[in-house]
Amino acid sequence: MDSNLPHHSSSDTILAQELARRLTSDAKNAGIRSEEISEEVGSIFSTMLEALGNRDPVPD
């Protein structure tokens, strides 16, 4: 997941939706149902949005 996130904090809901879509697609390809992920983390979208907001800035 880390390689798909920007190097700065963000509250970009469009990016969070895209990351959630990618995660769901990748999980499906690996034989993991989205319901299984939701049981573990709750809302996939909320988890992606939280991950985007918790980025440490990369020093220049």
C-alpha atoms as a PDB file:
ATOM      1  CA  MET A   1       0.000   0.000   0.000  1.00  0.00           C
ATOM      2  CA  ASP A   2       2.799   2.406   0.864  1.00  0.00           C
ATOM      3  CA  SER A   3       4.037   2.593  -2.726  1.00  0.00           C
ATOM      4  CA  ASN A   4       0.567   3.767  -3.839  1.00  0.00           C
ATOM      5  CA  LEU A   5       0.347   6.669  -1.388  1.00  0.00           C
ATOM      6  CA  PRO A   6       1.720  10.162  -1.953  1.00  0.00           C
ATOM      7  CA  HIS A   7       4.693  11.209   0.160  1.00  0.00           C
ATOM      8  CA  HIS A   8       2.640  13.877   1.927  1.00  0.00           C
ATOM      9  CA  SER A   9      -0.546  13.931   3.988  1.00  0.00           C
ATOM     10  CA  SER A  10      -3.712  14.381   1.990  1.00  0.00           C
ATOM     11  CA  SER A  11      -7.464  14.404   2.426  1.00  0.00           C
ATOM     12  CA  ASP A  12      -8.078  13.675  -1.260  1.00  0.00           C
ATOM     13  CA  THR A  13     -11.342  11.713  -1.292  1.00  0.00           C
ATOM     14  CA  ILE A  14     -11.005  10.881  -4.999  1.00  0.00           C
ATOM     15  CA  LEU A  15      -7.611   9.270  -4.359  1.00  0.00           C
ATOM     16  CA  ALA A  16      -9.005   7.414  -1.332  1.00  0.00           C
ATOM     17  CA  GLN A  17     -11.829   6.043  -3.516  1.00  0.00           C
ATOM     18  CA  GLU A  18      -9.348   4.952  -6.181  1.00  0.00           C
ATOM     19  CA  LEU A  19      -7.116   3.250  -3.603  1.00  0.00           C
ATOM     20  CA  ALA A  20     -10.134   1.462  -2.120  1.00  0.00           C
ATOM     21  CA  ARG A  21     -11.143   0.338  -5.618  1.00  0.00           C
ATOM     22  CA  ARG A  22      -7.620  -0.950  -6.337  1.00  0.00           C
ATOM     23  CA  LEU A  23      -7.450  -2.751  -3.005  1.00  0.00           C
ATOM     24  CA  THR A  24     -10.815  -4.410  -3.616  1.00  0.00           C
ATOM     25  CA  SER A  25      -9.782  -5.441  -7.131  1.00  0.00           C
ATOM     26  CA  ASP A  26      -6.400  -6.797  -6.008  1.00  0.00           C
ATOM     27  CA  ALA A  27      -8.030  -8.670  -3.135  1.00  0.00           C
ATOM     28  CA  LYS A  28     -10.611 -10.195  -5.484  1.00  0.00           C
ATOM     29  CA  ASN A  29      -7.812 -11.335  -7.808  1.00  0.00           C
ATOM     30  CA  ALA A  30      -6.128 -12.966  -4.794  1.00  0.00           C
ATOM     31  CA  GLY A  31      -9.351 -14.735  -3.812  1.00  0.00           C
ATOM     32  CA  ILE A  32     -10.152 -12.444  -0.878  1.00  0.00           C
ATOM     33  CA  ARG A  33     -13.713 -11.163  -0.635  1.00  0.00           C
ATOM     34  CA  SER A  34     -14.250  -7.480   0.193  1.00  0.00           C
ATOM     35  CA  GLU A  35     -16.480  -8.611   3.084  1.00  0.00           C
ATOM     36  CA  GLU A  36     -13.450 -10.286   4.673  1.00  0.00           C
ATOM     37  CA  ILE A  37     -11.505  -7.027   4.494  1.00  0.00           C
ATOM     38  CA  SER A  38     -14.444  -5.050   5.879  1.00  0.00           C
ATOM     39  CA  GLU A  39     -14.671  -7.461   8.820  1.00  0.00           C
ATOM     40  CA  GLU A  40     -11.040  -6.652   9.656  1.00  0.00           C
ATOM     41  CA  VAL A  41     -10.868  -2.903   9.021  1.00  0.00           C
ATOM     42  CA  GLY A  42     -14.456  -1.670   8.657  1.00  0.00           C
ATOM     43  CA  SER A  43     -14.822   0.769   5.787  1.00  0.00           C
ATOM     44  CA  ILE A  44     -12.116   0.312   3.156  1.00  0.00           C
ATOM     45  CA  PHE A  45     -12.660   3.911   2.009  1.00  0.00           C
ATOM     46  CA  SER A  46     -12.252   5.262   5.570  1.00  0.00           C
ATOM     47  CA  THR A  47      -9.105   3.189   6.042  1.00  0.00           C
ATOM     48  CA  MET A  48      -7.593   4.597   2.834  1.00  0.00           C
ATOM     49  CA  LEU A  49      -8.553   8.153   3.810  1.00  0.00           C
ATOM     50  CA  GLU A  50      -6.966   7.653   7.242  1.00  0.00           C
ATOM     51  CA  ALA A  51      -3.794   6.258   5.650  1.00  0.00           C
ATOM     52  CA  LEU A  52      -3.599   9.307   3.366  1.00  0.00           C
ATOM     53  CA  GLY A  53      -3.944  11.649   6.334  1.00  0.00           C
ATOM     54  CA  ASN A  54      -1.254   9.929   8.404  1.00  0.00           C
ATOM     55  CA  ARG A  55       1.699  10.359   6.068  1.00  0.00           C
ATOM     56  CA  ASP A  56       4.942  11.723   7.452  1.00  0.00           C
ATOM     57  CA  PRO A  57       6.432  14.425   5.264  1.00  0.00           C
ATOM     58  CA  VAL A  58       9.484  13.370   3.282  1.00  0.00           C
ATOM     59  CA  PRO A  59      12.451  15.673   3.977  1.00  0.00           C
ATOM     60  CA  ASP A  60      13.758  17.601   0.968  1.00  0.00           C
END
